[in-house]
Amino acid sequence: MLILTDDDGRNPRVVSPRDAQVLSFTYQPQTNTLWLEVLRDSDGDLAFKPDDDRLPYLCTPSTGEPATPVIALDTIERARALLGESEELSLSE
């Protein structure tokens, strides 16, 4: 979990996803951008494992908004569905 505060340490707010473990982060002061690499509990088993999704998230600290995925989660699910279908087709041939 990544928590940001104001300069004086007040107003704490969680900016990382609740269902994820922050693996690393990088702040780019030129663009006021915070990049996070998170491990998301993608199978919902309440545990973080190497086969869970490792995803990039983006946050602009001055907005107070939480980080958002760089690639939308529904896009990832659609890609998985397409890859799953193509794997099934190649196995049945």
N, C-alpha and C. Protein backbone atom coordinates (compact mmCIF):
# COMPACT_ATOMS: atom_id res chain seq x y z
N MET A 1 0.84 -1.16 0.00
CA MET A 1 0.00 0.00 0.00
C MET A 1 0.89 1.24 0.00
N LEU A 2 0.56 2.19 -0.85
CA LEU A 2 1.32 3.43 -0.92
C LEU A 2 0.43 4.57 -0.43
N ILE A 3 0.93 5.28 0.58
CA ILE A 3 0.19 6.39 1.18
C ILE A 3 0.96 7.67 0.93
N LEU A 4 0.28 8.69 0.41
CA LEU A 4 0.87 10.01 0.22
C LEU A 4 0.29 10.97 1.26
N THR A 5 1.08 11.96 1.64
CA THR A 5 0.63 13.00 2.56
C THR A 5 0.96 14.37 1.98
N ASP A 6 0.46 15.41 2.61
CA ASP A 6 0.87 16.77 2.26
C ASP A 6 2.33 16.94 2.70
N ASP A 7 2.92 18.06 2.33
CA ASP A 7 4.33 18.33 2.68
C ASP A 7 4.59 18.28 4.18
N ASP A 8 3.57 18.63 4.98
CA ASP A 8 3.74 18.64 6.43
C ASP A 8 3.35 17.31 7.09
N GLY A 9 3.08 16.28 6.27
CA GLY A 9 2.75 14.96 6.81
C GLY A 9 1.27 14.78 7.14
N ARG A 10 0.46 15.78 6.85
CA ARG A 10 -0.98 15.68 7.11
C ARG A 10 -1.73 15.23 5.87
N ASN A 11 -2.99 14.93 6.06
CA ASN A 11 -3.88 14.52 4.98
C ASN A 11 -3.39 13.25 4.28
N PRO A 12 -3.19 12.16 5.03
CA PRO A 12 -2.75 10.91 4.39
C PRO A 12 -3.85 10.34 3.50
N ARG A 13 -3.44 9.80 2.37
CA ARG A 13 -4.39 9.16 1.46
C ARG A 13 -3.71 8.00 0.74
N VAL A 14 -4.44 6.94 0.62
CA VAL A 14 -3.96 5.75 -0.09
C VAL A 14 -4.12 6.00 -1.58
N VAL A 15 -3.04 5.85 -2.33
CA VAL A 15 -3.11 6.06 -3.78
C VAL A 15 -2.96 4.75 -4.56
N SER A 16 -2.51 3.71 -3.90
CA SER A 16 -2.36 2.42 -4.59
C SER A 16 -3.67 1.65 -4.53
N PRO A 17 -3.86 0.71 -5.44
CA PRO A 17 -5.07 -0.11 -5.42
C PRO A 17 -5.14 -0.93 -4.12
N ARG A 18 -6.33 -1.11 -3.60
CA ARG A 18 -6.51 -1.84 -2.34
C ARG A 18 -6.19 -3.33 -2.48
N ASP A 19 -6.39 -3.88 -3.67
CA ASP A 19 -6.17 -5.32 -3.88
C ASP A 19 -4.79 -5.59 -4.48
N ALA A 20 -3.82 -4.73 -4.16
CA ALA A 20 -2.50 -4.87 -4.77
C ALA A 20 -1.39 -4.58 -3.77
N GLN A 21 -0.23 -5.14 -4.06
CA GLN A 21 0.98 -4.90 -3.28
C GLN A 21 1.92 -4.06 -4.15
N VAL A 22 2.40 -2.95 -3.62
CA VAL A 22 3.30 -2.08 -4.38
C VAL A 22 4.69 -2.71 -4.39
N LEU A 23 5.20 -2.99 -5.58
CA LEU A 23 6.54 -3.58 -5.72
C LEU A 23 7.61 -2.50 -5.83
N SER A 24 7.28 -1.42 -6.55
CA SER A 24 8.23 -0.32 -6.70
C SER A 24 7.46 0.92 -7.15
N PHE A 25 8.12 2.06 -7.00
CA PHE A 25 7.53 3.30 -7.52
C PHE A 25 8.66 4.25 -7.90
N THR A 26 8.34 5.15 -8.83
CA THR A 26 9.28 6.15 -9.31
C THR A 26 8.54 7.46 -9.45
N TYR A 27 9.13 8.53 -8.91
CA TYR A 27 8.53 9.85 -9.04
C TYR A 27 9.29 10.64 -10.10
N GLN A 28 8.55 11.24 -11.01
CA GLN A 28 9.15 12.09 -12.04
C GLN A 28 8.72 13.53 -11.77
N PRO A 29 9.59 14.33 -11.14
CA PRO A 29 9.21 15.69 -10.76
C PRO A 29 8.88 16.61 -11.94
N GLN A 30 9.50 16.38 -13.09
CA GLN A 30 9.25 17.24 -14.26
C GLN A 30 7.77 17.21 -14.66
N THR A 31 7.14 16.05 -14.51
CA THR A 31 5.74 15.90 -14.91
C THR A 31 4.81 15.69 -13.71
N ASN A 32 5.37 15.73 -12.50
CA ASN A 32 4.59 15.47 -11.28
C ASN A 32 3.83 14.16 -11.41
N THR A 33 4.54 13.14 -11.81
CA THR A 33 3.94 11.83 -12.07
C THR A 33 4.59 10.77 -11.20
N LEU A 34 3.77 9.93 -10.65
CA LEU A 34 4.24 8.82 -9.84
C LEU A 34 3.86 7.53 -10.56
N TRP A 35 4.87 6.75 -10.92
CA TRP A 35 4.65 5.46 -11.59
C TRP A 35 4.78 4.37 -10.54
N LEU A 36 3.82 3.46 -10.50
CA LEU A 36 3.85 2.35 -9.55
C LEU A 36 3.88 1.03 -10.31
N GLU A 37 4.61 0.09 -9.80
CA GLU A 37 4.54 -1.29 -10.29
C GLU A 37 3.88 -2.08 -9.16
N VAL A 38 2.73 -2.67 -9.46
CA VAL A 38 1.99 -3.37 -8.41
C VAL A 38 1.76 -4.83 -8.78
N LEU A 39 1.63 -5.62 -7.76
CA LEU A 39 1.24 -7.03 -7.91
C LEU A 39 -0.20 -7.09 -7.44
N ARG A 40 -1.11 -7.38 -8.37
CA ARG A 40 -2.54 -7.37 -8.09
C ARG A 40 -3.02 -8.78 -7.81
N ASP A 41 -3.84 -8.93 -6.78
CA ASP A 41 -4.42 -10.24 -6.45
C ASP A 41 -5.45 -10.58 -7.53
N SER A 42 -4.97 -11.01 -8.69
CA SER A 42 -5.82 -11.18 -9.86
C SER A 42 -6.76 -12.38 -9.78
N ASP A 43 -6.45 -13.36 -8.95
CA ASP A 43 -7.35 -14.51 -8.84
C ASP A 43 -8.25 -14.45 -7.60
N GLY A 44 -8.13 -13.37 -6.82
CA GLY A 44 -9.02 -13.15 -5.69
C GLY A 44 -8.86 -14.11 -4.53
N ASP A 45 -7.70 -14.74 -4.39
CA ASP A 45 -7.50 -15.71 -3.31
C ASP A 45 -6.91 -15.07 -2.04
N LEU A 46 -6.85 -13.72 -2.03
CA LEU A 46 -6.34 -12.96 -0.88
C LEU A 46 -4.87 -13.22 -0.58
N ALA A 47 -4.11 -13.60 -1.61
CA ALA A 47 -2.67 -13.84 -1.47
C ALA A 47 -1.97 -13.29 -2.71
N PHE A 48 -0.76 -12.81 -2.52
CA PHE A 48 0.04 -12.31 -3.64
C PHE A 48 1.06 -13.38 -4.01
N LYS A 49 0.98 -13.83 -5.28
CA LYS A 49 1.87 -14.89 -5.76
C LYS A 49 2.52 -14.44 -7.06
N PRO A 50 3.61 -15.09 -7.46
CA PRO A 50 4.29 -14.70 -8.70
C PRO A 50 3.41 -14.77 -9.95
N ASP A 51 2.38 -15.61 -9.96
CA ASP A 51 1.53 -15.72 -11.15
C ASP A 51 0.39 -14.70 -11.16
N ASP A 52 0.26 -13.87 -10.11
CA ASP A 52 -0.71 -12.78 -10.13
C ASP A 52 -0.22 -11.70 -11.09
N ASP A 53 -1.15 -10.82 -11.48
CA ASP A 53 -0.82 -9.78 -12.45
C ASP A 53 0.14 -8.74 -11.87
N ARG A 54 1.18 -8.46 -12.62
CA ARG A 54 2.14 -7.41 -12.31
C ARG A 54 1.84 -6.27 -13.28
N LEU A 55 1.37 -5.12 -12.75
CA LEU A 55 0.85 -4.08 -13.62
C LEU A 55 1.43 -2.70 -13.31
N PRO A 56 1.57 -1.85 -14.34
CA PRO A 56 1.97 -0.46 -14.11
C PRO A 56 0.75 0.42 -13.82
N TYR A 57 0.89 1.29 -12.84
CA TYR A 57 -0.15 2.26 -12.49
C TYR A 57 0.45 3.65 -12.54
N LEU A 58 -0.39 4.65 -12.73
CA LEU A 58 0.05 6.03 -12.85
C LEU A 58 -0.75 6.90 -11.89
N CYS A 59 -0.06 7.86 -11.25
CA CYS A 59 -0.71 8.74 -10.30
C CYS A 59 -0.13 10.14 -10.44
N THR A 60 -0.99 11.15 -10.34
CA THR A 60 -0.56 12.54 -10.28
C THR A 60 -0.84 13.01 -8.86
N PRO A 61 0.18 13.05 -8.00
CA PRO A 61 -0.02 13.32 -6.58
C PRO A 61 -0.80 14.59 -6.26
N SER A 62 -0.62 15.65 -7.04
CA SER A 62 -1.27 16.92 -6.72
C SER A 62 -2.79 16.88 -6.86
N THR A 63 -3.32 15.89 -7.57
CA THR A 63 -4.78 15.81 -7.75
C THR A 63 -5.47 15.17 -6.55
N GLY A 64 -4.73 14.38 -5.77
CA GLY A 64 -5.35 13.66 -4.66
C GLY A 64 -6.10 12.42 -5.09
N GLU A 65 -6.11 12.13 -6.37
CA GLU A 65 -6.81 10.96 -6.90
C GLU A 65 -5.93 9.72 -6.77
N PRO A 66 -6.55 8.54 -6.62
CA PRO A 66 -5.75 7.31 -6.56
C PRO A 66 -5.11 6.99 -7.92
N ALA A 67 -4.13 6.13 -7.87
CA ALA A 67 -3.45 5.69 -9.09
C ALA A 67 -4.42 4.91 -9.97
N THR A 68 -4.21 5.00 -11.26
CA THR A 68 -5.05 4.27 -12.22
C THR A 68 -4.15 3.36 -13.06
N PRO A 69 -4.70 2.23 -13.51
CA PRO A 69 -3.88 1.33 -14.33
C PRO A 69 -3.53 1.97 -15.67
N VAL A 70 -2.32 1.77 -16.12
CA VAL A 70 -1.90 2.28 -17.43
C VAL A 70 -2.67 1.54 -18.53
N ILE A 71 -2.88 0.25 -18.33
CA ILE A 71 -3.69 -0.56 -19.24
C ILE A 71 -4.96 -0.91 -18.47
N ALA A 72 -6.11 -0.55 -19.01
CA ALA A 72 -7.38 -0.79 -18.33
C ALA A 72 -7.56 -2.29 -18.03
N LEU A 73 -8.10 -2.58 -16.85
CA LEU A 73 -8.27 -3.98 -16.44
C LEU A 73 -9.19 -4.74 -17.39
N ASP A 74 -10.21 -4.08 -17.94
CA ASP A 74 -11.09 -4.77 -18.89
C ASP A 74 -10.35 -5.10 -20.19
N THR A 75 -9.38 -4.28 -20.57
CA THR A 75 -8.55 -4.57 -21.75
C THR A 75 -7.70 -5.81 -21.51
N ILE A 76 -7.16 -5.92 -20.31
CA ILE A 76 -6.37 -7.10 -19.96
C ILE A 76 -7.24 -8.36 -20.01
N GLU A 77 -8.46 -8.27 -19.47
CA GLU A 77 -9.37 -9.42 -19.49
C GLU A 77 -9.75 -9.81 -20.91
N ARG A 78 -9.99 -8.82 -21.78
CA ARG A 78 -10.32 -9.13 -23.18
C ARG A 78 -9.14 -9.80 -23.87
N ALA A 79 -7.92 -9.32 -23.60
CA ALA A 79 -6.73 -9.93 -24.20
C ALA A 79 -6.58 -11.37 -23.74
N ARG A 80 -6.83 -11.60 -22.45
CA ARG A 80 -6.75 -12.98 -21.92
C ARG A 80 -7.76 -13.89 -22.61
N ALA A 81 -8.96 -13.38 -22.80
CA ALA A 81 -10.00 -14.17 -23.45
C ALA A 81 -9.59 -14.52 -24.88
N LEU A 82 -9.03 -13.55 -25.59
CA LEU A 82 -8.59 -13.80 -26.96
C LEU A 82 -7.44 -14.81 -26.99
N LEU A 83 -6.48 -14.64 -26.10
CA LEU A 83 -5.36 -15.57 -26.05
C LEU A 83 -5.82 -16.96 -25.64
N GLY A 84 -6.75 -17.03 -24.72
CA GLY A 84 -7.30 -18.32 -24.29
C GLY A 84 -7.99 -19.03 -25.44
N GLU A 85 -8.76 -18.28 -26.23
CA GLU A 85 -9.45 -18.87 -27.38
C GLU A 85 -8.45 -19.38 -28.41
N SER A 86 -7.39 -18.61 -28.67
CA SER A 86 -6.43 -19.03 -29.68
C SER A 86 -5.64 -20.25 -29.20
N GLU A 87 -5.38 -20.34 -27.88
CA GLU A 87 -4.69 -21.51 -27.36
C GLU A 87 -5.57 -22.75 -27.47
N GLU A 88 -6.89 -22.60 -27.21
CA GLU A 88 -7.79 -23.73 -27.35
C GLU A 88 -7.87 -24.20 -28.79
N LEU A 89 -7.88 -23.24 -29.72
CA LEU A 89 -7.94 -23.62 -31.12
C LEU A 89 -6.68 -24.38 -31.54
N SER A 90 -5.54 -23.94 -31.12
CA SER A 90 -4.31 -24.59 -31.54
C SER A 90 -4.16 -25.97 -30.88
N LEU A 91 -4.73 -26.16 -29.70
CA LEU A 91 -4.66 -27.47 -29.05
C LEU A 91 -5.59 -28.48 -29.73
N SER A 92 -6.71 -28.00 -30.29
CA SER A 92 -7.66 -28.93 -30.88
C SER A 92 -7.31 -29.31 -32.31
N GLU A 93 -6.39 -28.62 -32.93
CA GLU A 93 -6.02 -28.92 -34.32
C GLU A 93 -5.06 -30.09 -34.40
